[in-house]
Protein backbone atom coordinates (compact mmCIF):
# COMPACT_ATOMS: atom_id res chain seq x y z
CA MET A 1 2.27 -6.53 -14.09
CA PHE A 2 3.08 -8.85 -11.59
CA GLY A 3 3.74 -6.00 -9.43
CA ASN A 4 0.95 -4.12 -9.96
CA TYR A 5 -1.50 -7.57 -8.96
CA LEU A 6 0.60 -7.71 -6.18
CA VAL A 7 -0.36 -4.44 -4.80
CA GLY A 8 -4.11 -4.42 -5.16
CA LEU A 9 -4.19 -7.49 -3.16
CA ARG A 10 -3.04 -6.12 -0.44
CA GLU A 11 -4.60 -3.44 -0.76
CA GLY A 12 -7.62 -4.39 -1.69
CA LEU A 13 -7.56 -7.38 1.40
CA GLU A 14 -6.39 -4.91 3.78
CA ALA A 15 -10.12 -2.48 3.02
CA SER A 16 -12.47 -6.14 2.28
CA LEU A 17 -11.14 -7.57 6.28
CA VAL A 18 -12.29 -4.04 7.21
CA VAL A 19 -15.52 -4.28 5.30
CA VAL A 20 -15.92 -7.87 6.78
CA ILE A 21 -14.81 -7.30 10.62
CA LEU A 22 -17.60 -4.70 10.16
CA VAL A 23 -20.48 -6.57 8.85
CA ALA A 24 -19.82 -9.40 11.10
CA TYR A 25 -19.35 -7.89 14.22
CA LEU A 26 -22.77 -6.00 12.91
CA VAL A 27 -24.43 -9.44 11.86
CA LYS A 28 -22.66 -11.56 15.35
CA SER A 29 -24.28 -8.75 17.73
CA ASP A 30 -27.94 -8.99 16.64
CA ARG A 31 -28.30 -5.22 15.03
CA ARG A 32 -28.20 -5.97 10.75
CA HIS A 33 -30.18 -3.18 10.21
CA LEU A 34 -27.53 -1.03 10.45
CA LEU A 35 -25.82 -2.17 7.70
CA PRO A 36 -27.48 -0.25 5.28
CA ARG A 37 -25.50 2.41 6.83
CA ILE A 38 -22.17 0.11 6.58
CA TRP A 39 -22.45 -0.39 2.82
CA LEU A 40 -23.97 3.61 2.48
CA GLY A 41 -20.03 3.63 3.45
CA VAL A 42 -17.97 2.06 1.39
CA ALA A 43 -19.74 3.36 -1.18
CA ALA A 44 -18.87 7.39 -0.20
CA ALA A 45 -15.59 5.46 0.09
CA VAL A 46 -14.63 3.96 -3.23
CA GLY A 47 -16.17 7.08 -4.87
CA VAL A 48 -14.49 8.82 -3.54
CA SER A 49 -10.65 6.99 -4.32
CA LEU A 50 -12.34 6.45 -7.63
CA ALA A 51 -12.77 10.30 -8.00
CA PHE A 52 -9.08 10.46 -6.06
CA GLY A 53 -7.63 8.36 -9.10
CA ALA A 54 -9.24 9.57 -12.09
CA LEU A 55 -8.12 13.18 -10.24
CA LEU A 56 -4.33 11.71 -10.58
CA THR A 57 -4.71 10.54 -13.96
CA TYR A 58 -6.13 12.95 -16.04
CA GLY A 59 -5.58 16.27 -13.62
CA PRO A 60 -1.88 17.19 -15.08
CA ASN A 61 -2.65 16.78 -19.09
CA GLY A 62 -2.56 20.24 -20.69
CA LEU A 63 0.69 20.85 -18.34
CA THR A 64 4.29 21.07 -20.27
CA PHE A 65 6.14 17.97 -19.88
CA GLU A 66 8.66 18.93 -17.28
CA ALA A 67 5.50 20.14 -14.75
CA GLN A 68 3.59 17.15 -15.45
CA GLU A 69 7.04 14.88 -14.86
CA ALA A 70 7.66 17.31 -11.90
CA ILE A 71 4.02 16.82 -10.13
CA GLY A 72 4.98 12.70 -10.96
CA GLY A 73 8.04 12.68 -9.28
CA GLY A 74 6.35 14.21 -6.30
CA LEU A 75 3.48 12.16 -5.80
CA SER A 76 5.50 9.19 -6.84
CA ILE A 77 7.24 10.79 -3.34
CA VAL A 78 4.59 11.06 -1.00
CA ALA A 79 3.09 7.25 -2.96
CA VAL A 80 5.91 5.20 -1.37
CA GLY A 81 5.73 7.46 1.82
CA PHE A 82 2.20 6.00 2.11
CA VAL A 83 2.90 2.25 1.41
CA THR A 84 6.15 2.41 3.69
CA TRP A 85 4.09 3.51 6.53
CA MET A 86 1.40 1.47 5.45
CA ILE A 87 3.52 -1.54 5.99
CA PHE A 88 4.88 -1.19 9.18
CA TRP A 89 1.36 0.00 9.88
CA MET A 90 -0.42 -3.08 9.47
CA ALA A 91 2.83 -5.30 10.78
CA ARG A 92 2.24 -3.37 13.89
CA SER A 93 -1.85 -3.09 14.09
CA ALA A 94 -3.10 -6.39 12.72
CA ARG A 95 -4.08 -8.38 15.98
CA THR A 96 -5.65 -6.04 17.14
CA LEU A 97 -7.92 -3.95 13.87
CA SER A 98 -10.23 -5.94 14.97
CA GLY A 99 -10.83 -5.33 18.55
CA ASP A 100 -10.79 -1.46 17.66
CA LEU A 101 -13.21 -1.54 14.28
CA LYS A 102 -15.10 -3.62 17.14
CA SER A 103 -14.57 -0.62 19.39
CA HIS A 104 -15.63 1.56 16.83
CA VAL A 105 -18.47 0.17 15.64
CA ASP A 106 -20.63 0.17 19.20
CA ARG A 107 -19.38 4.17 19.68
CA ALA A 108 -20.55 5.08 16.41
CA ALA A 109 -23.86 3.05 16.76
CA GLU A 110 -25.07 5.02 19.69
CA ALA A 111 -23.86 7.76 18.63
CA SER A 112 -26.21 10.19 15.30
CA ARG A 113 -27.51 7.97 12.20
CA ALA A 114 -24.56 8.89 9.88
CA SER A 115 -21.60 8.25 12.64
CA LEU A 116 -21.99 4.74 11.41
CA VAL A 117 -21.61 6.30 7.99
CA VAL A 118 -18.15 8.50 8.45
CA VAL A 119 -16.91 5.15 10.39
CA ALA A 120 -16.31 2.52 7.38
CA MET A 121 -15.82 5.90 4.94
CA LEU A 122 -13.08 6.58 6.72
CA ALA A 123 -12.09 2.20 7.59
CA VAL A 124 -12.69 2.06 3.97
CA GLY A 125 -11.27 5.60 1.96
CA ARG A 126 -7.94 5.76 4.25
CA GLU A 127 -7.09 1.81 2.80
CA GLY A 128 -8.60 3.49 -1.51
CA LEU A 129 -6.84 6.38 -1.48
CA GLU A 130 -3.59 5.37 -0.78
CA THR A 131 -4.56 2.49 -2.78
CA ALA A 132 -5.38 4.94 -5.74
CA LEU A 133 -2.55 6.69 -5.18
CA PHE A 134 0.49 4.36 -4.85
CA LEU A 135 -1.33 2.27 -7.98
CA TRP A 136 -1.14 5.80 -10.24
CA ALA A 137 2.72 6.08 -8.61
CA ALA A 138 3.56 2.31 -9.60
CA THR A 139 1.28 2.33 -13.27
CA GLN A 140 3.11 5.34 -14.31
CA ALA A 141 6.26 3.41 -13.50
CA ALA A 142 5.62 -0.03 -15.08
CA SER A 143 4.64 2.07 -17.91
CA SER A 144 7.29 3.92 -18.77
CA GLY A 145 8.49 3.12 -22.31
CA SER A 146 6.09 0.00 -22.43
CA SER A 147 3.49 -0.01 -25.03
CA SER A 148 0.90 -0.71 -23.03
CA SER A 149 -0.81 0.66 -20.00
CA THR A 150 -3.41 -0.93 -19.61
CA ALA A 151 -1.12 -4.18 -18.28
CA PRO A 152 -0.72 -2.52 -14.44
CA LEU A 153 -4.95 -1.75 -13.94
CA VAL A 154 -6.13 -5.24 -15.59
CA GLY A 155 -3.59 -6.56 -12.22
CA ALA A 156 -4.46 -4.08 -10.85
CA ALA A 157 -7.85 -4.98 -10.68
CA LEU A 158 -7.06 -8.54 -11.28
CA GLY A 159 -5.55 -8.40 -7.85
CA ILE A 160 -8.31 -6.50 -5.85
CA ALA A 161 -10.60 -8.89 -7.80
CA THR A 162 -8.87 -11.95 -5.56
CA ALA A 163 -8.86 -9.49 -2.96
CA VAL A 164 -12.44 -9.36 -2.87
CA VAL A 165 -13.27 -12.45 -2.75
CA LEU A 166 -11.00 -14.29 -0.64
CA ALA A 167 -12.53 -12.20 1.94
CA PHE A 168 -16.43 -13.96 1.18
CA ALA A 169 -14.40 -16.89 1.76
CA PHE A 170 -13.15 -15.23 5.34
CA TYR A 171 -16.89 -14.33 5.70
CA LYS A 172 -18.04 -17.27 5.16
CA GLY A 173 -15.40 -19.50 7.38
CA ALA A 174 -14.45 -21.49 4.33
CA LEU A 175 -10.16 -20.31 3.81
CA LYS A 176 -7.90 -19.90 7.01
CA LEU A 177 -4.58 -17.98 6.47
CA ASN A 178 -2.51 -16.65 8.56
CA LEU A 179 -2.33 -13.27 7.80
CA SER A 180 -0.05 -12.36 9.82
CA LYS A 181 2.29 -14.57 7.94
CA PHE A 182 0.81 -12.64 4.71
CA PHE A 183 0.96 -9.32 5.36
CA THR A 184 4.96 -10.22 5.73
CA TRP A 185 6.40 -11.49 3.16
CA THR A 186 3.85 -9.25 0.98
CA GLY A 187 4.99 -6.35 3.14
CA GLY A 188 8.43 -7.68 1.84
CA PHE A 189 7.99 -8.23 -1.58
CA LEU A 190 6.73 -4.29 -1.15
CA ILE A 191 9.32 -2.68 0.13
CA LEU A 192 11.39 -3.55 -2.56
CA VAL A 193 8.34 -1.87 -5.77
CA ALA A 194 8.28 0.68 -3.82
CA ALA A 195 12.08 1.69 -3.64
CA GLY A 196 11.37 0.93 -7.48
CA VAL A 197 8.01 3.57 -7.64
CA LEU A 198 10.83 5.75 -5.13
CA ALA A 199 13.15 5.22 -7.97
CA TYR A 200 11.84 5.71 -10.75
CA GLY A 201 9.86 9.75 -8.82
CA VAL A 202 13.69 10.58 -8.69
CA HIS A 203 14.49 9.80 -12.66
CA ASP A 204 10.59 11.84 -12.63
CA LEU A 205 12.72 14.65 -10.84
CA GLN A 206 15.49 14.69 -12.93
CA GLU A 207 13.45 14.99 -16.25
CA ALA A 208 11.93 17.64 -14.89
CA ARG A 209 16.36 19.55 -14.55
CA ILE A 210 14.97 19.85 -10.32
CA LEU A 211 17.17 17.16 -9.78
CA PRO A 212 20.33 16.82 -11.18
CA GLY A 213 22.44 14.20 -13.22
CA LEU A 214 19.87 13.49 -15.59
CA HIS A 215 22.65 11.46 -18.05
CA ASN A 216 24.83 10.59 -15.52
CA LEU A 217 24.03 6.00 -15.52
CA ALA A 218 26.11 3.88 -13.04
CA PHE A 219 25.30 1.63 -15.72
CA ASP A 220 22.94 0.94 -18.56
CA VAL A 221 22.44 -3.04 -19.79
CA SER A 222 19.83 -1.79 -22.57
CA ASP A 223 21.19 -4.81 -24.95
CA THR A 224 21.37 -7.36 -22.88
CA ILE A 225 17.92 -6.51 -21.26
CA GLU A 226 16.19 -5.23 -23.74
CA PRO A 227 12.73 -3.24 -22.71
CA THR A 228 10.44 -4.51 -24.31
CA SER A 229 11.66 -8.57 -24.43
CA TRP A 230 9.90 -10.49 -22.05
CA LEU A 231 12.63 -10.41 -19.29
CA GLY A 232 12.44 -6.75 -19.37
CA THR A 233 8.96 -5.88 -19.30
CA LEU A 234 8.83 -8.43 -15.95
CA LEU A 235 11.28 -6.32 -14.42
CA LYS A 236 9.40 -3.94 -15.26
CA GLY A 237 5.74 -4.96 -13.95
CA THR A 238 7.58 -6.80 -9.82
CA LEU A 239 10.16 -3.68 -9.28
CA ASN A 240 10.41 -1.47 -11.92
CA PHE A 241 13.35 -2.21 -12.88
CA SER A 242 15.00 0.43 -16.41
CA PRO A 243 17.88 -0.90 -18.09
CA ALA A 244 19.98 2.45 -17.75
CA THR A 245 18.95 3.55 -14.28
CA THR A 246 21.15 6.92 -13.43
CA TRP A 247 23.97 6.46 -10.19
CA LEU A 248 20.85 9.52 -8.15
CA GLU A 249 17.97 6.29 -9.15
CA LEU A 250 20.74 3.53 -7.86
CA ILE A 251 21.11 5.28 -4.97
CA VAL A 252 18.34 6.26 -3.70
CA TRP A 253 16.92 2.66 -4.37
CA VAL A 254 19.92 0.90 -1.91
CA SER A 255 19.33 3.68 0.45
CA TYR A 256 15.08 2.81 0.48
CA VAL A 257 15.78 -1.55 1.16
CA ALA A 258 18.62 -1.14 2.83
CA VAL A 259 17.40 1.35 6.10
CA VAL A 260 13.43 0.09 5.26
CA MET A 261 13.66 -3.18 5.11
CA THR A 262 15.76 -3.13 7.58
CA ILE A 263 13.59 -2.37 9.46
CA PHE A 264 11.20 -4.04 8.48
CA VAL A 265 12.63 -6.92 9.65
CA LYS A 266 13.95 -6.35 13.15
CA ARG A 267 9.64 -5.22 13.31
CA VAL A 268 8.43 -8.53 12.28
CA ARG A 269 11.38 -10.62 14.29
CA ALA A 270 10.27 -8.25 17.53
CA SER A 271 6.50 -9.74 16.11
CA HIS A 272 7.13 -12.89 16.82
CA ASN A 273 8.77 -12.93 20.32
CA PRO A 274 6.84 -10.79 21.90
CA LYS A 275 9.17 -11.65 25.36
CA ALA A 276 10.17 -8.37 26.04
CA ALA A 277 12.15 -7.69 29.27
CA ARG A 278 9.93 -7.84 32.56
CA PRO A 279 10.53 -4.30 34.52
CA ALA A 280 11.82 -4.04 37.43
CA SER A 281 10.13 -4.25 40.24
CA THR A 282 9.27 -0.70 41.70
CA THR A 283 8.23 -2.40 45.27
CA PRO A 284 10.49 -0.59 47.54
CA GLN A 285 12.70 -2.29 49.34
CA LYS A 286 13.33 -3.75 53.20
CA VAL A 287 16.40 -1.41 54.38
CA THR A 288 18.15 -3.41 57.19
CA ALA A 289 20.46 -0.63 59.85
């Protein structure tokens, strides 16, 4: 549940901050009359995201078990790809996000009435679609073998609600938060969550008979960590840990964390050390005979 809470918090805060920046900029530039277009775009983005989530949830019903597992595994891998891209994009663009959005607003305000609606819908909708896909995949993974399928959804909903409250506090100026550090720490943890979702997607593809090795277990600690125990539930809800893990799942999990975490740490260190090597002077040197 905590893992899904963190996903909802981070993704919800990204989308909420986009709305806060758009609204605050229009208010400060005395263009309050354009606010309804922003809210219309936000409403459209939320509607599309909810419809996408419903399609993911109810679309596979009625298919064979193998087909459902194949779809679930494929979408889980796609979701991991999106969230990985999002983690690196936010780490790179957090400092320039406000300026970029403001320039888009200025151009849209001078264009047709629908332009500002489209800007808000695309800015929020991208986050909403990524959130819907990744939350669906994380929920599928966390609820596998669990008696409750609502706990992950409750965790995600609480995370999104917290994000909205934080964004409102930002807007009112009552909260100061180092967003760079926030997205760094949550990004690192989300890499571990994404690794669990990726391993679960591989397991789905194994059950669909698309990938081999379903019965080749790397370890099975079900007797020590029962899936229904508090520890098993905690590890499943945060890291999508499976007590019975195949060799392919283990290899995929370790490889993803090793590669992505290494790149992420290097990117973070580079962003905190902006001093780059200055290019050599291109001024022609005077040649003496």
